[in-house]
């Protein structure tokens, strides 16, 4: 399923994705960054994932279309690898709470406490 609209709100650091089934997902830039499909984040196989820390204030600076199946998100921390295909973006939106809770659990297990939005890191 291909989104009908992508809207980046840099001020609130959110990407709003509208889908043809009527669903709309609002995903934070931090969430998209920590769930990047890049090998740098996911590794090359199970168990090789790298926990992303300190991404509370990351923002997206560009969205580059890749054919008709994906976008490349360019972040202001210089991360720009990994293609977000429509299936991944829909999954990230549909299961956002589950993914986010998992991320927070992994941060806590690592002993990291997230900063408040806008707080200097």
PDB file of N, CA and C in Angstrom:
ATOM      1  N   UNK A   1       0.858  -1.173   0.000  1.00  0.00           N
ATOM      2  CA  UNK A   1       0.000   0.000   0.000  1.00  0.00           C
ATOM      3  C   UNK A   1       0.904   1.236   0.000  1.00  0.00           C
ATOM      4  N   UNK A   2       0.628   2.157  -0.884  1.00  0.00           N
ATOM      5  CA  UNK A   2       1.412   3.387  -1.014  1.00  0.00           C
ATOM      6  C   UNK A   2       0.712   4.527  -0.283  1.00  0.00           C
ATOM      7  N   UNK A   3       1.446   5.304   0.506  1.00  0.00           N
ATOM      8  CA  UNK A   3       0.809   6.429   1.213  1.00  0.00           C
ATOM      9  C   UNK A   3       0.215   7.422   0.220  1.00  0.00           C
ATOM     10  N   UNK A   4      -0.843   8.086   0.657  1.00  0.00           N
ATOM     11  CA  UNK A   4      -1.434   9.133  -0.172  1.00  0.00           C
ATOM     12  C   UNK A   4      -0.790  10.484   0.096  1.00  0.00           C
ATOM     13  N   UNK A   5      -0.134  10.606   1.270  1.00  0.00           N
ATOM     14  CA  UNK A   5       0.503  11.878   1.602  1.00  0.00           C
ATOM     15  C   UNK A   5       1.524  11.685   2.722  1.00  0.00           C
ATOM     16  N   UNK A   6       2.640  12.398   2.597  1.00  0.00           N
ATOM     17  CA  UNK A   6       3.652  12.472   3.652  1.00  0.00           C
ATOM     18  C   UNK A   6       3.839  13.946   3.979  1.00  0.00           C
ATOM     19  N   UNK A   7       3.725  14.303   5.240  1.00  0.00           N
ATOM     20  CA  UNK A   7       3.904  15.688   5.652  1.00  0.00           C
ATOM     21  C   UNK A   7       4.916  15.736   6.788  1.00  0.00           C
ATOM     22  N   UNK A   8       6.005  16.450   6.559  1.00  0.00           N
ATOM     23  CA  UNK A   8       7.020  16.614   7.594  1.00  0.00           C
ATOM     24  C   UNK A   8       6.774  17.917   8.330  1.00  0.00           C
ATOM     25  N   UNK A   9       6.645  17.818   9.646  1.00  0.00           N
ATOM     26  CA  UNK A   9       6.521  18.997  10.485  1.00  0.00           C
ATOM     27  C   UNK A   9       7.811  19.082  11.298  1.00  0.00           C
ATOM     28  N   UNK A  10       8.758  19.892  10.815  1.00  0.00           N
ATOM     29  CA  UNK A  10      10.055  19.966  11.488  1.00  0.00           C
ATOM     30  C   UNK A  10       9.964  20.600  12.865  1.00  0.00           C
ATOM     31  N   UNK A  11       9.024  21.511  13.047  1.00  0.00           N
ATOM     32  CA  UNK A  11       8.895  22.169  14.356  1.00  0.00           C
ATOM     33  C   UNK A  11       8.532  21.158  15.446  1.00  0.00           C
ATOM     34  N   UNK A  12       7.565  20.289  15.161  1.00  0.00           N
ATOM     35  CA  UNK A  12       7.172  19.278  16.146  1.00  0.00           C
ATOM     36  C   UNK A  12       7.975  17.984  15.998  1.00  0.00           C
ATOM     37  N   UNK A  13       8.839  17.949  14.980  1.00  0.00           N
ATOM     38  CA  UNK A  13       9.681  16.776  14.712  1.00  0.00           C
ATOM     39  C   UNK A  13       8.841  15.528  14.488  1.00  0.00           C
ATOM     40  N   UNK A  14       7.897  15.642  13.571  1.00  0.00           N
ATOM     41  CA  UNK A  14       6.995  14.528  13.277  1.00  0.00           C
ATOM     42  C   UNK A  14       6.776  14.396  11.777  1.00  0.00           C
ATOM     43  N   UNK A  15       6.610  13.152  11.359  1.00  0.00           N
ATOM     44  CA  UNK A  15       6.231  12.844   9.995  1.00  0.00           C
ATOM     45  C   UNK A  15       4.827  12.268  10.048  1.00  0.00           C
ATOM     46  N   UNK A  16       3.915  12.896   9.309  1.00  0.00           N
ATOM     47  CA  UNK A  16       2.529  12.431   9.257  1.00  0.00           C
ATOM     48  C   UNK A  16       2.348  11.686   7.946  1.00  0.00           C
ATOM     49  N   UNK A  17       1.884  10.443   8.048  1.00  0.00           N
ATOM     50  CA  UNK A  17       1.693   9.603   6.876  1.00  0.00           C
ATOM     51  C   UNK A  17       0.217   9.261   6.766  1.00  0.00           C
ATOM     52  N   UNK A  18      -0.361   9.594   5.606  1.00  0.00           N
ATOM     53  CA  UNK A  18      -1.764   9.271   5.335  1.00  0.00           C
ATOM     54  C   UNK A  18      -1.797   8.104   4.363  1.00  0.00           C
ATOM     55  N   UNK A  19      -2.677   7.149   4.652  1.00  0.00           N
ATOM     56  CA  UNK A  19      -2.772   5.914   3.870  1.00  0.00           C
ATOM     57  C   UNK A  19      -4.122   5.834   3.153  1.00  0.00           C
ATOM     58  N   UNK A  20      -4.182   5.103   2.046  1.00  0.00           N
ATOM     59  CA  UNK A  20      -5.436   5.014   1.294  1.00  0.00           C
ATOM     60  C   UNK A  20      -6.566   4.328   2.048  1.00  0.00           C
ATOM     61  N   UNK A  21      -6.253   3.562   3.103  1.00  0.00           N
ATOM     62  CA  UNK A  21      -7.312   2.913   3.889  1.00  0.00           C
ATOM     63  C   UNK A  21      -7.923   3.867   4.916  1.00  0.00           C
ATOM     64  N   UNK A  22      -7.463   5.150   4.899  1.00  0.00           N
ATOM     65  CA  UNK A  22      -8.005   6.144   5.811  1.00  0.00           C
ATOM     66  C   UNK A  22      -7.198   6.319   7.082  1.00  0.00           C
ATOM     67  N   UNK A  23      -6.251   5.437   7.334  1.00  0.00           N
ATOM     68  CA  UNK A  23      -5.421   5.577   8.536  1.00  0.00           C
ATOM     69  C   UNK A  23      -4.417   6.706   8.355  1.00  0.00           C
ATOM     70  N   UNK A  24      -4.112   7.366   9.451  1.00  0.00           N
ATOM     71  CA  UNK A  24      -3.075   8.386   9.490  1.00  0.00           C
ATOM     72  C   UNK A  24      -2.167   8.058  10.654  1.00  0.00           C
ATOM     73  N   UNK A  25      -0.875   8.029  10.397  1.00  0.00           N
ATOM     74  CA  UNK A  25       0.106   7.757  11.445  1.00  0.00           C
ATOM     75  C   UNK A  25       1.000   8.977  11.616  1.00  0.00           C
ATOM     76  N   UNK A  26       1.179   9.389  12.853  1.00  0.00           N
ATOM     77  CA  UNK A  26       2.086  10.488  13.186  1.00  0.00           C
ATOM     78  C   UNK A  26       3.269   9.887  13.922  1.00  0.00           C
ATOM     79  N   UNK A  27       4.437   9.938  13.257  1.00  0.00           N
ATOM     80  CA  UNK A  27       5.627   9.284  13.785  1.00  0.00           C
ATOM     81  C   UNK A  27       6.687  10.331  14.104  1.00  0.00           C
ATOM     82  N   UNK A  28       7.242  10.265  15.304  1.00  0.00           N
ATOM     83  CA  UNK A  28       8.277  11.224  15.676  1.00  0.00           C
ATOM     84  C   UNK A  28       9.558  10.921  14.897  1.00  0.00           C
ATOM     85  N   UNK A  29      10.353  11.948  14.699  1.00  0.00           N
ATOM     86  CA  UNK A  29      11.644  11.772  14.020  1.00  0.00           C
ATOM     87  C   UNK A  29      12.538  10.846  14.839  1.00  0.00           C
ATOM     88  N   UNK A  30      12.480  10.980  16.160  1.00  0.00           N
ATOM     89  CA  UNK A  30      13.269  10.101  17.021  1.00  0.00           C
ATOM     90  C   UNK A  30      12.891   8.642  16.784  1.00  0.00           C
ATOM     91  N   UNK A  31      11.609   8.360  16.769  1.00  0.00           N
ATOM     92  CA  UNK A  31      11.114   6.995  16.555  1.00  0.00           C
ATOM     93  C   UNK A  31      11.585   6.452  15.209  1.00  0.00           C
ATOM     94  N   UNK A  32      11.451   7.268  14.168  1.00  0.00           N
ATOM     95  CA  UNK A  32      11.903   6.833  12.845  1.00  0.00           C
ATOM     96  C   UNK A  32      13.411   6.609  12.820  1.00  0.00           C
ATOM     97  N   UNK A  33      14.150   7.437  13.520  1.00  0.00           N
ATOM     98  CA  UNK A  33      15.610   7.312  13.534  1.00  0.00           C
ATOM     99  C   UNK A  33      16.054   6.048  14.265  1.00  0.00           C
ATOM    100  N   UNK A  34      15.442   5.766  15.411  1.00  0.00           N
ATOM    101  CA  UNK A  34      15.884   4.602  16.185  1.00  0.00           C
ATOM    102  C   UNK A  34      15.414   3.291  15.563  1.00  0.00           C
ATOM    103  N   UNK A  35      14.431   3.358  14.671  1.00  0.00           N
ATOM    104  CA  UNK A  35      13.978   2.166  13.945  1.00  0.00           C
ATOM    105  C   UNK A  35      14.388   2.212  12.478  1.00  0.00           C
ATOM    106  N   UNK A  36      15.479   2.899  12.203  1.00  0.00           N
ATOM    107  CA  UNK A  36      16.005   2.960  10.840  1.00  0.00           C
ATOM    108  C   UNK A  36      16.270   1.550  10.314  1.00  0.00           C
ATOM    109  N   UNK A  37      15.933   1.308   9.056  1.00  0.00           N
ATOM    110  CA  UNK A  37      16.196  -0.010   8.475  1.00  0.00           C
ATOM    111  C   UNK A  37      17.647  -0.200   8.025  1.00  0.00           C
ATOM    112  N   UNK A  38      18.519   0.726   8.343  1.00  0.00           N
ATOM    113  CA  UNK A  38      19.910   0.647   7.895  1.00  0.00           C
ATOM    114  C   UNK A  38      20.669  -0.458   8.616  1.00  0.00           C
ATOM    115  N   UNK A  39      21.704  -0.952   7.978  1.00  0.00           N
ATOM    116  CA  UNK A  39      22.569  -1.957   8.607  1.00  0.00           C
ATOM    117  C   UNK A  39      23.276  -1.370   9.824  1.00  0.00           C
ATOM    118  N   UNK A  40      23.522  -0.066   9.806  1.00  0.00           N
ATOM    119  CA  UNK A  40      24.157   0.608  10.934  1.00  0.00           C
ATOM    120  C   UNK A  40      23.332   0.452  12.214  1.00  0.00           C
ATOM    121  N   UNK A  41      22.007   0.408  12.068  1.00  0.00           N
ATOM    122  CA  UNK A  41      21.098   0.283  13.210  1.00  0.00           C
ATOM    123  C   UNK A  41      20.688  -1.173  13.424  1.00  0.00           C
ATOM    124  N   UNK A  42      20.308  -1.836  12.361  1.00  0.00           N
ATOM    125  CA  UNK A  42      19.780  -3.200  12.466  1.00  0.00           C
ATOM    126  C   UNK A  42      20.841  -4.291  12.433  1.00  0.00           C
ATOM    127  N   UNK A  43      22.037  -3.959  11.991  1.00  0.00           N
ATOM    128  CA  UNK A  43      23.069  -4.972  11.836  1.00  0.00           C
ATOM    129  C   UNK A  43      22.819  -5.789  10.581  1.00  0.00           C
ATOM    130  N   UNK A  44      23.563  -6.847  10.444  1.00  0.00           N
ATOM    131  CA  UNK A  44      23.447  -7.704   9.255  1.00  0.00           C
ATOM    132  C   UNK A  44      22.749  -9.020   9.561  1.00  0.00           C
ATOM    133  N   UNK A  45      22.232  -9.148  10.766  1.00  0.00           N
ATOM    134  CA  UNK A  45      21.526 -10.360  11.137  1.00  0.00           C
ATOM    135  C   UNK A  45      20.991 -10.250  12.550  1.00  0.00           C
ATOM    136  N   UNK A  46      20.182 -11.214  12.957  1.00  0.00           N
ATOM    137  CA  UNK A  46      19.604 -11.198  14.297  1.00  0.00           C
ATOM    138  C   UNK A  46      20.686 -11.102  15.371  1.00  0.00           C
ATOM    139  N   UNK A  47      20.418 -10.271  16.373  1.00  0.00           N
ATOM    140  CA  UNK A  47      21.350 -10.098  17.469  1.00  0.00           C
ATOM    141  C   UNK A  47      22.435  -9.061  17.212  1.00  0.00           C
ATOM    142  N   UNK A  48      22.458  -8.479  16.020  1.00  0.00           N
ATOM    143  CA  UNK A  48      23.472  -7.483  15.691  1.00  0.00           C
ATOM    144  C   UNK A  48      22.936  -6.050  15.742  1.00  0.00           C
ATOM    145  N   UNK A  49      21.697  -5.893  16.213  1.00  0.00           N
ATOM    146  CA  UNK A  49      21.099  -4.570  16.292  1.00  0.00           C
ATOM    147  C   UNK A  49      21.915  -3.687  17.228  1.00  0.00           C
ATOM    148  N   UNK A  50      21.976  -2.388  16.909  1.00  0.00           N
ATOM    149  CA  UNK A  50      22.698  -1.439  17.754  1.00  0.00           C
ATOM    150  C   UNK A  50      21.684  -0.448  18.334  1.00  0.00           C
ATOM    151  N   UNK A  51      21.561  -0.450  19.648  1.00  0.00           N
ATOM    152  CA  UNK A  51      20.630   0.444  20.331  1.00  0.00           C
ATOM    153  C   UNK A  51      21.024   1.890  20.062  1.00  0.00           C
ATOM    154  N   UNK A  52      20.084   2.678  19.606  1.00  0.00           N
ATOM    155  CA  UNK A  52      20.316   4.088  19.306  1.00  0.00           C
ATOM    156  C   UNK A  52      20.001   4.914  20.543  1.00  0.00           C
ATOM    157  N   UNK A  53      20.991   5.657  21.007  1.00  0.00           N
ATOM    158  CA  UNK A  53      20.866   6.435  22.239  1.00  0.00           C
ATOM    159  C   UNK A  53      21.096   7.911  21.929  1.00  0.00           C
ATOM    160  N   UNK A  54      20.371   8.782  22.634  1.00  0.00           N
ATOM    161  CA  UNK A  54      20.585  10.223  22.495  1.00  0.00           C
ATOM    162  C   UNK A  54      19.978  10.818  21.245  1.00  0.00           C
ATOM    163  N   UNK A  55      18.871  10.262  20.777  1.00  0.00           N
ATOM    164  CA  UNK A  55      18.248  10.743  19.538  1.00  0.00           C
ATOM    165  C   UNK A  55      16.980  11.560  19.812  1.00  0.00           C
ATOM    166  N   UNK A  56      16.812  12.024  21.044  1.00  0.00           N
ATOM    167  CA  UNK A  56      15.592  12.735  21.429  1.00  0.00           C
ATOM    168  C   UNK A  56      15.324  13.978  20.583  1.00  0.00           C
ATOM    169  N   UNK A  57      16.363  14.679  20.180  1.00  0.00           N
ATOM    170  CA  UNK A  57      16.186  15.940  19.454  1.00  0.00           C
ATOM    171  C   UNK A  57      16.506  15.851  17.971  1.00  0.00           C
ATOM    172  N   UNK A  58      16.627  14.632  17.446  1.00  0.00           N
ATOM    173  CA  UNK A  58      16.942  14.473  16.031  1.00  0.00           C
ATOM    174  C   UNK A  58      15.761  14.961  15.177  1.00  0.00           C
ATOM    175  N   UNK A  59      16.096  15.468  13.997  1.00  0.00           N
ATOM    176  CA  UNK A  59      15.059  15.933  13.090  1.00  0.00           C
ATOM    177  C   UNK A  59      15.354  15.400  11.697  1.00  0.00           C
ATOM    178  N   UNK A  60      14.354  15.381  10.865  1.00  0.00           N
ATOM    179  CA  UNK A  60      14.509  14.991   9.466  1.00  0.00           C
ATOM    180  C   UNK A  60      14.730  16.268   8.669  1.00  0.00           C
ATOM    181  N   UNK A  61      15.762  16.261   7.827  1.00  0.00           N
ATOM    182  CA  UNK A  61      16.054  17.435   7.007  1.00  0.00           C
ATOM    183  C   UNK A  61      15.611  17.259   5.569  1.00  0.00           C
ATOM    184  N   UNK A  62      15.423  16.021   5.128  1.00  0.00           N
ATOM    185  CA  UNK A  62      14.986  15.776   3.756  1.00  0.00           C
ATOM    186  C   UNK A  62      14.316  14.413   3.649  1.00  0.00           C
ATOM    187  N   UNK A  63      13.379  14.336   2.716  1.00  0.00           N
ATOM    188  CA  UNK A  63      12.720  13.082   2.362  1.00  0.00           C
ATOM    189  C   UNK A  63      12.937  12.901   0.871  1.00  0.00           C
ATOM    190  N   UNK A  64      13.631  11.831   0.519  1.00  0.00           N
ATOM    191  CA  UNK A  64      13.957  11.587  -0.882  1.00  0.00           C
ATOM    192  C   UNK A  64      13.217  10.350  -1.368  1.00  0.00           C
ATOM    193  N   UNK A  65      12.364  10.498  -2.400  1.00  0.00           N
ATOM    194  CA  UNK A  65      11.658   9.329  -2.934  1.00  0.00           C
ATOM    195  C   UNK A  65      12.630   8.345  -3.570  1.00  0.00           C
ATOM    196  N   UNK A  66      12.329   7.073  -3.414  1.00  0.00           N
ATOM    197  CA  UNK A  66      13.102   6.008  -4.050  1.00  0.00           C
ATOM    198  C   UNK A  66      12.108   5.175  -4.850  1.00  0.00           C
ATOM    199  N   UNK A  67      12.063   5.422  -6.135  1.00  0.00           N
ATOM    200  CA  UNK A  67      11.090   4.725  -6.974  1.00  0.00           C
ATOM    201  C   UNK A  67       9.681   4.957  -6.460  1.00  0.00           C
ATOM    202  N   UNK A  68       8.860   3.912  -6.581  1.00  0.00           N
ATOM    203  CA  UNK A  68       7.479   3.984  -6.111  1.00  0.00           C
ATOM    204  C   UNK A  68       7.259   3.156  -4.859  1.00  0.00           C
ATOM    205  N   UNK A  69       8.355   2.757  -4.216  1.00  0.00           N
ATOM    206  CA  UNK A  69       8.208   1.806  -3.128  1.00  0.00           C
ATOM    207  C   UNK A  69       8.778   2.254  -1.784  1.00  0.00           C
ATOM    208  N   UNK A  70       9.505   3.384  -1.751  1.00  0.00           N
ATOM    209  CA  UNK A  70      10.181   3.745  -0.499  1.00  0.00           C
ATOM    210  C   UNK A  70      10.597   5.210  -0.498  1.00  0.00           C
ATOM    211  N   UNK A  71      11.077   5.648   0.666  1.00  0.00           N
ATOM    212  CA  UNK A  71      11.715   6.958   0.807  1.00  0.00           C
ATOM    213  C   UNK A  71      13.002   6.774   1.605  1.00  0.00           C
ATOM    214  N   UNK A  72      13.921   7.677   1.348  1.00  0.00           N
ATOM    215  CA  UNK A  72      15.144   7.760   2.147  1.00  0.00           C
ATOM    216  C   UNK A  72      14.973   8.991   3.022  1.00  0.00           C
ATOM    217  N   UNK A  73      15.098   8.810   4.318  1.00  0.00           N
ATOM    218  CA  UNK A  73      14.985   9.916   5.252  1.00  0.00           C
ATOM    219  C   UNK A  73      16.390  10.383   5.623  1.00  0.00           C
ATOM    220  N   UNK A  74      16.606  11.676   5.528  1.00  0.00           N
ATOM    221  CA  UNK A  74      17.894  12.264   5.882  1.00  0.00           C
ATOM    222  C   UNK A  74      17.703  12.983   7.214  1.00  0.00           C
ATOM    223  N   UNK A  75      18.504  12.575   8.206  1.00  0.00           N
ATOM    224  CA  UNK A  75      18.390  13.128   9.550  1.00  0.00           C
ATOM    225  C   UNK A  75      19.495  14.140   9.805  1.00  0.00           C
ATOM    226  N   UNK A  76      19.257  15.060  10.724  1.00  0.00           N
ATOM    227  CA  UNK A  76      20.235  16.111  10.999  1.00  0.00           C
ATOM    228  C   UNK A  76      21.439  15.632  11.819  1.00  0.00           C
ATOM    229  N   UNK A  77      21.459  14.351  12.190  1.00  0.00           N
ATOM    230  CA  UNK A  77      22.656  13.792  12.837  1.00  0.00           C
ATOM    231  C   UNK A  77      23.536  13.078  11.806  1.00  0.00           C
ATOM    232  N   UNK A  78      23.292  13.390  10.532  1.00  0.00           N
ATOM    233  CA  UNK A  78      24.032  12.849   9.389  1.00  0.00           C
ATOM    234  C   UNK A  78      23.705  11.401   9.056  1.00  0.00           C
ATOM    235  N   UNK A  79      22.672  10.850   9.649  1.00  0.00           N
ATOM    236  CA  UNK A  79      22.245   9.495   9.290  1.00  0.00           C
ATOM    237  C   UNK A  79      21.351   9.595   8.059  1.00  0.00           C
ATOM    238  N   UNK A  80      21.729   8.872   7.007  1.00  0.00           N
ATOM    239  CA  UNK A  80      20.923   8.923   5.788  1.00  0.00           C
ATOM    240  C   UNK A  80      20.936   7.595   5.032  1.00  0.00           C
ATOM    241  N   UNK A  81      21.235   6.514   5.749  1.00  0.00           N
ATOM    242  CA  UNK A  81      21.225   5.213   5.085  1.00  0.00           C
ATOM    243  C   UNK A  81      19.996   4.432   5.521  1.00  0.00           C
ATOM    244  N   UNK A  82      19.593   3.517   4.689  1.00  0.00           N
ATOM    245  CA  UNK A  82      18.401   2.720   4.961  1.00  0.00           C
ATOM    246  C   UNK A  82      17.208   3.275   4.223  1.00  0.00           C
ATOM    247  N   UNK A  83      16.487   2.401   3.565  1.00  0.00           N
ATOM    248  CA  UNK A  83      15.295   2.810   2.822  1.00  0.00           C
ATOM    249  C   UNK A  83      14.048   2.381   3.591  1.00  0.00           C
ATOM    250  N   UNK A  84      13.179   3.337   3.798  1.00  0.00           N
ATOM    251  CA  UNK A  84      11.921   3.092   4.494  1.00  0.00           C
ATOM    252  C   UNK A  84      10.884   2.751   3.435  1.00  0.00           C
ATOM    253  N   UNK A  85      10.656   1.456   3.221  1.00  0.00           N
ATOM    254  CA  UNK A  85       9.635   1.092   2.239  1.00  0.00           C
ATOM    255  C   UNK A  85       8.258   1.242   2.875  1.00  0.00           C
ATOM    256  N   UNK A  86       7.237   1.218   2.025  1.00  0.00           N
ATOM    257  CA  UNK A  86       5.876   1.483   2.512  1.00  0.00           C
ATOM    258  C   UNK A  86       5.444   0.459   3.554  1.00  0.00           C
ATOM    259  N   UNK A  87       5.825  -0.791   3.363  1.00  0.00           N
ATOM    260  CA  UNK A  87       5.441  -1.836   4.322  1.00  0.00           C
ATOM    261  C   UNK A  87       6.024  -1.538   5.699  1.00  0.00           C
ATOM    262  N   UNK A  88       7.300  -1.148   5.745  1.00  0.00           N
ATOM    263  CA  UNK A  88       7.935  -0.810   7.026  1.00  0.00           C
ATOM    264  C   UNK A  88       7.254   0.391   7.673  1.00  0.00           C
ATOM    265  N   UNK A  89       7.019   1.451   6.900  1.00  0.00           N
ATOM    266  CA  UNK A  89       6.381   2.643   7.465  1.00  0.00           C
ATOM    267  C   UNK A  89       4.987   2.335   7.998  1.00  0.00           C
ATOM    268  N   UNK A  90       4.241   1.500   7.273  1.00  0.00           N
ATOM    269  CA  UNK A  90       2.902   1.135   7.751  1.00  0.00           C
ATOM    270  C   UNK A  90       3.015   0.342   9.057  1.00  0.00           C
ATOM    271  N   UNK A  91       3.948  -0.597   9.119  1.00  0.00           N
ATOM    272  CA  UNK A  91       4.149  -1.377  10.339  1.00  0.00           C
ATOM    273  C   UNK A  91       4.557  -0.478  11.507  1.00  0.00           C
ATOM    274  N   UNK A  92       5.487   0.453  11.253  1.00  0.00           N
ATOM    275  CA  UNK A  92       5.910   1.369  12.313  1.00  0.00           C
ATOM    276  C   UNK A  92       4.745   2.209  12.822  1.00  0.00           C
ATOM    277  N   UNK A  93       3.834   2.577  11.928  1.00  0.00           N
ATOM    278  CA  UNK A  93       2.662   3.341  12.345  1.00  0.00           C
ATOM    279  C   UNK A  93       1.634   2.485  13.054  1.00  0.00           C
ATOM    280  N   UNK A  94       1.328   1.345  12.475  1.00  0.00           N
ATOM    281  CA  UNK A  94       0.284   0.466  13.004  1.00  0.00           C
ATOM    282  C   UNK A  94       0.654  -0.092  14.382  1.00  0.00           C
ATOM    283  N   UNK A  95       1.925  -0.377  14.589  1.00  0.00           N
ATOM    284  CA  UNK A  95       2.381  -0.984  15.847  1.00  0.00           C
ATOM    285  C   UNK A  95       3.290  -0.049  16.635  1.00  0.00           C
ATOM    286  N   UNK A  96       3.037   1.239  16.495  1.00  0.00           N
ATOM    287  CA  UNK A  96       3.902   2.243  17.099  1.00  0.00           C
ATOM    288  C   UNK A  96       4.050   2.065  18.602  1.00  0.00           C
ATOM    289  N   UNK A  97       2.974   1.878  19.327  1.00  0.00           N
ATOM    290  CA  UNK A  97       3.065   1.772  20.788  1.00  0.00           C
ATOM    291  C   UNK A  97       3.891   0.564  21.200  1.00  0.00           C
ATOM    292  N   UNK A  98       3.688  -0.554  20.546  1.00  0.00           N
ATOM    293  CA  UNK A  98       4.442  -1.768  20.862  1.00  0.00           C
ATOM    294  C   UNK A  98       5.939  -1.564  20.591  1.00  0.00           C
ATOM    295  N   UNK A  99       6.273  -1.000  19.429  1.00  0.00           N
ATOM    296  CA  UNK A  99       7.677  -0.753  19.098  1.00  0.00           C
ATOM    297  C   UNK A  99       8.307   0.254  20.079  1.00  0.00           C
ATOM    298  N   UNK A 100       7.556   1.316  20.389  1.00  0.00           N
ATOM    299  CA  UNK A 100       8.084   2.349  21.274  1.00  0.00           C
ATOM    300  C   UNK A 100       8.329   1.793  22.675  1.00  0.00           C
ATOM    301  N   UNK A 101       7.367   1.013  23.181  1.00  0.00           N
ATOM    302  CA  UNK A 101       7.531   0.404  24.502  1.00  0.00           C
ATOM    303  C   UNK A 101       8.755  -0.505  24.529  1.00  0.00           C
ATOM    304  N   UNK A 102       8.976  -1.256  23.456  1.00  0.00           N
ATOM    305  CA  UNK A 102      10.146  -2.122  23.367  1.00  0.00           C
ATOM    306  C   UNK A 102      11.427  -1.293  23.400  1.00  0.00           C
ATOM    307  N   UNK A 103      11.438  -0.187  22.668  1.00  0.00           N
ATOM    308  CA  UNK A 103      12.605   0.693  22.650  1.00  0.00           C
ATOM    309  C   UNK A 103      12.888   1.248  24.046  1.00  0.00           C
ATOM    310  N   UNK A 104      11.849   1.731  24.729  1.00  0.00           N
ATOM    311  CA  UNK A 104      12.032   2.279  26.075  1.00  0.00           C
ATOM    312  C   UNK A 104      12.535   1.215  27.052  1.00  0.00           C
ATOM    313  N   UNK A 105      12.053  -0.005  26.902  1.00  0.00           N
ATOM    314  CA  UNK A 105      12.513  -1.116  27.743  1.00  0.00           C
ATOM    315  C   UNK A 105      13.992  -1.388  27.507  1.00  0.00           C
ATOM    316  N   UNK A 106      14.415  -1.378  26.243  1.00  0.00           N
ATOM    317  CA  UNK A 106      15.822  -1.613  25.928  1.00  0.00           C
ATOM    318  C   UNK A 106      16.702  -0.479  26.444  1.00  0.00           C
ATOM    319  N   UNK A 107      16.207   0.768  26.348  1.00  0.00           N
ATOM    320  CA  UNK A 107      16.970   1.895  26.902  1.00  0.00           C
ATOM    321  C   UNK A 107      17.155   1.739  28.401  1.00  0.00           C
ATOM    322  N   UNK A 108      16.061   1.399  29.091  1.00  0.00           N
ATOM    323  CA  UNK A 108      16.122   1.238  30.548  1.00  0.00           C
ATOM    324  C   UNK A 108      17.091   0.119  30.933  1.00  0.00           C
ATOM    325  N   UNK A 109      17.057  -0.975  30.185  1.00  0.00           N
ATOM    326  CA  UNK A 109      17.961  -2.091  30.462  1.00  0.00           C
ATOM    327  C   UNK A 109      19.418  -1.684  30.255  1.00  0.00           C
ATOM    328  N   UNK A 110      19.625  -0.715  29.398  1.00  0.00           N
ATOM    329  CA  UNK A 110      20.963  -0.208  29.119  1.00  0.00           C
ATOM    330  C   UNK A 110      21.368   0.873  30.135  1.00  0.00           C
ATOM    331  N   UNK A 111      20.404   1.277  30.981  1.00  0.00           N
ATOM    332  CA  UNK A 111      20.693   2.288  31.993  1.00  0.00           C
ATOM    333  C   UNK A 111      20.599   3.715  31.479  1.00  0.00           C
ATOM    334  N   UNK A 112      19.957   3.909  30.340  1.00  0.00           N
ATOM    335  CA  UNK A 112      19.857   5.237  29.753  1.00  0.00           C
ATOM    336  C   UNK A 112      18.503   5.854  30.079  1.00  0.00           C
ATOM    337  N   UNK A 113      18.516   7.121  30.482  1.00  0.00           N
ATOM    338  CA  UNK A 113      17.275   7.853  30.733  1.00  0.00           C
ATOM    339  C   UNK A 113      17.129   8.926  29.672  1.00  0.00           C
ATOM    340  N   UNK A 114      16.023   8.874  28.941  1.00  0.00           N
ATOM    341  CA  UNK A 114      15.772   9.846  27.877  1.00  0.00           C
ATOM    342  C   UNK A 114      15.689  11.253  28.432  1.00  0.00           C
ATOM    343  N   UNK A 115      16.126  12.215  27.642  1.00  0.00           N
ATOM    344  CA  UNK A 115      16.043  13.630  27.985  1.00  0.00           C
ATOM    345  C   UNK A 115      14.676  14.158  27.574  1.00  0.00           C
ATOM    346  N   UNK A 116      14.251  15.234  28.204  1.00  0.00           N
ATOM    347  CA  UNK A 116      12.997  15.890  27.821  1.00  0.00           C
ATOM    348  C   UNK A 116      13.182  16.531  26.455  1.00  0.00           C
ATOM    349  N   UNK A 117      12.119  16.595  25.651  1.00  0.00           N
ATOM    350  CA  UNK A 117      12.238  17.235  24.337  1.00  0.00           C
ATOM    351  C   UNK A 117      12.798  18.648  24.456  1.00  0.00           C
ATOM    352  N   UNK A 118      13.773  18.949  23.619  1.00  0.00           N
ATOM    353  CA  UNK A 118      14.387  20.263  23.623  1.00  0.00           C
ATOM    354  C   UNK A 118      15.522  20.427  24.629  1.00  0.00           C
ATOM    355  N   UNK A 119      15.644  19.471  25.561  1.00  0.00           N
ATOM    356  CA  UNK A 119      16.717  19.555  26.559  1.00  0.00           C
ATOM    357  C   UNK A 119      18.063  19.327  25.873  1.00  0.00           C
ATOM    358  N   UNK A 120      19.028  20.111  26.229  1.00  0.00           N
ATOM    359  CA  UNK A 120      20.375  19.962  25.671  1.00  0.00           C
ATOM    360  C   UNK A 120      20.950  18.627  26.133  1.00  0.00           C
ATOM    361  N   UNK A 121      21.481  17.911  25.199  1.00  0.00           N
ATOM    362  CA  UNK A 121      22.016  16.570  25.516  1.00  0.00           C
ATOM    363  C   UNK A 121      23.515  16.630  25.561  1.00  0.00           C
TER     364      UNK A 121
END
